[in-house]
């Protein structure tokens, strides 16, 4: 798991796996980025190669933490992230992705 720092309006970019094996470090980085953000926090998940329920839990935690600070949006998501969010009816987390209201 690799992540690039968030500066200004630049999204925090996460690369590689969002799995149980990287969950602790990833949660720490995302929490810090949300705490440092002025307004909405943004995540770029376009380079995530694998995501499991631990990664999903981190996204849900991040969304909850960011609500009081302006919200959270995923500005880009890999196919694997999109599939998991769609399966959980959470595709509305992805910026510009209309919610279908059903799981395919």
Protein backbone atom coordinates (compact mmCIF):
# COMPACT_ATOMS: atom_id res chain seq x y z
CA UNK A 1 0.00 0.00 0.00
CA UNK A 2 1.30 3.39 -0.99
CA UNK A 3 -0.34 6.76 -0.57
CA UNK A 4 0.64 10.22 -1.71
CA UNK A 5 0.14 13.19 0.58
CA UNK A 6 -2.91 15.41 0.22
CA UNK A 7 -2.09 19.07 -0.28
CA UNK A 8 -4.69 21.76 -0.77
CA UNK A 9 -7.32 20.45 -3.13
CA UNK A 10 -5.20 17.53 -4.31
CA UNK A 11 -6.78 14.18 -3.44
CA UNK A 12 -5.01 11.65 -1.25
CA UNK A 13 -3.92 8.97 -3.71
CA UNK A 14 -3.91 5.37 -2.55
CA UNK A 15 -2.02 2.77 -4.59
CA UNK A 16 -1.80 -0.99 -4.27
CA UNK A 17 -3.83 -3.02 -1.81
CA UNK A 18 -6.53 -1.85 0.60
CA UNK A 19 -6.66 -5.10 2.54
CA UNK A 20 -6.36 -6.38 6.09
CA UNK A 21 -2.58 -6.44 5.59
CA UNK A 22 -2.37 -2.67 5.05
CA UNK A 23 -5.43 -1.55 7.02
CA UNK A 24 -3.73 -0.09 10.11
CA UNK A 25 -1.26 2.08 8.20
CA UNK A 26 -3.87 3.12 5.65
CA UNK A 27 -6.43 4.06 8.30
CA UNK A 28 -3.80 6.18 10.03
CA UNK A 29 -2.91 8.05 6.82
CA UNK A 30 -6.50 8.66 5.78
CA UNK A 31 -7.47 9.81 9.29
CA UNK A 32 -4.52 12.25 9.31
CA UNK A 33 -5.44 13.56 5.85
CA UNK A 34 -9.04 14.18 6.95
CA UNK A 35 -7.85 15.95 10.11
CA UNK A 36 -5.55 18.20 8.03
CA UNK A 37 -8.10 18.97 5.32
CA UNK A 38 -9.90 22.27 5.06
CA UNK A 39 -13.34 21.32 3.80
CA UNK A 40 -14.10 18.22 1.77
CA UNK A 41 -11.59 15.38 1.79
CA UNK A 42 -10.90 13.70 -1.53
CA UNK A 43 -9.52 10.24 -2.28
CA UNK A 44 -8.06 8.96 -5.53
CA UNK A 45 -8.43 5.18 -5.50
CA UNK A 46 -7.75 4.67 -9.21
CA UNK A 47 -4.56 2.71 -8.51
CA UNK A 48 -6.00 0.35 -5.89
CA UNK A 49 -5.33 -3.19 -7.09
CA UNK A 50 -7.18 -5.10 -4.36
CA UNK A 51 -9.79 -4.20 -1.75
CA UNK A 52 -11.42 -6.37 0.88
CA UNK A 53 -13.81 -5.76 3.76
CA UNK A 54 -11.04 -4.12 5.79
CA UNK A 55 -10.58 -1.60 2.97
CA UNK A 56 -14.32 -1.06 2.84
CA UNK A 57 -14.40 -0.50 6.59
CA UNK A 58 -11.68 2.15 6.22
CA UNK A 59 -13.73 3.95 3.55
CA UNK A 60 -16.83 3.91 5.75
CA UNK A 61 -14.84 5.16 8.74
CA UNK A 62 -13.32 7.91 6.60
CA UNK A 63 -16.74 8.98 5.35
CA UNK A 64 -18.05 9.17 8.91
CA UNK A 65 -15.05 11.19 10.14
CA UNK A 66 -15.18 13.55 7.16
CA UNK A 67 -18.89 14.38 7.51
CA UNK A 68 -18.23 16.98 10.21
CA UNK A 69 -15.40 18.53 8.18
CA UNK A 70 -17.07 18.94 4.79
CA UNK A 71 -17.52 15.41 3.55
CA UNK A 72 -15.56 12.83 1.60
CA UNK A 73 -15.54 12.06 -2.07
CA UNK A 74 -13.75 9.43 -4.10
CA UNK A 75 -12.61 11.32 -7.19
CA UNK A 76 -11.42 8.20 -9.03
CA UNK A 77 -11.77 4.49 -8.35
CA UNK A 78 -10.31 1.36 -9.88
CA UNK A 79 -12.63 -1.28 -11.29
CA UNK A 80 -12.22 -3.37 -8.12
CA UNK A 81 -13.16 -0.46 -5.85
CA UNK A 82 -16.12 0.39 -8.07
CA UNK A 83 -17.34 -3.21 -8.02
CA UNK A 84 -17.19 -3.45 -4.22
CA UNK A 85 -18.91 -0.09 -3.70
CA UNK A 86 -21.59 -1.06 -6.23
CA UNK A 87 -22.12 -4.42 -4.50
CA UNK A 88 -22.65 -2.58 -1.20
CA UNK A 89 -24.87 0.11 -2.79
CA UNK A 90 -22.24 2.74 -1.95
CA UNK A 91 -21.37 3.87 -5.47
CA UNK A 92 -22.61 7.35 -4.53
CA UNK A 93 -19.25 7.77 -2.74
CA UNK A 94 -17.63 8.04 -6.19
CA UNK A 95 -17.73 11.58 -7.49
CA UNK A 96 -19.91 11.83 -10.59
CA UNK A 97 -21.22 8.28 -10.30
CA UNK A 98 -25.03 8.20 -10.22
CA UNK A 99 -26.54 5.81 -7.71
CA UNK A 100 -28.54 3.06 -9.37
CA UNK A 101 -30.41 2.15 -6.24
CA UNK A 102 -29.96 -1.57 -6.88
CA UNK A 103 -27.19 -4.11 -6.73
CA UNK A 104 -26.33 -5.76 -10.04
